[in-house]
Amino acid sequence: MDIWEELYETARAVQRGRKISPFIEAGGVAAAIRTKAGNTYVGVCIDTASSLGMCAERNAMANMITHGESRIDKVVAVMPDGKVGPPCGACREFMMQLDRDSGEIEILLDLDRRETVRLRELMPHWWGGSRFSK
């Protein structure tokens, strides 16, 4: 099993779509991130009636930050149909703001073909890069 399959299976293990209350559903999308230190963190999406929820990727990043890390190497997001997909714009922005080298984060686009993309390719004209040089 390679790293992409490992991360995919780790995300799938927590992906259990469920209704939390009449207002909140969770687990339709799951994510696993591998940090530069080699640790893996997971998260699931939390969808709310008032738009106060969060994406699976940001949930996984919150878990990572809670454990004292902030440098991501790889990201896998598993959609409700079991396929992988890229993070939304809010998650991309959050990742870019974590570290000066976040543009190098590798994101899985297709598990079967092991197709990946670097975050910088999804954010080609990111506004905040100069702030890291200060």
Foldseek 3Di string as FASTA:
>chain_A
DDPVVVFLVVFVVQQDWDDPDPFKIKRQKKKWWAFPVGDIFMAIWIGGPVRPTDHGLVRRQVVQVVVPDQGTAEMWMAHNVRFTDDDDPVSLVVQVVRDLPQQQHWYQHGDVVSDIDGSCVVVVPDDPNVVRVD
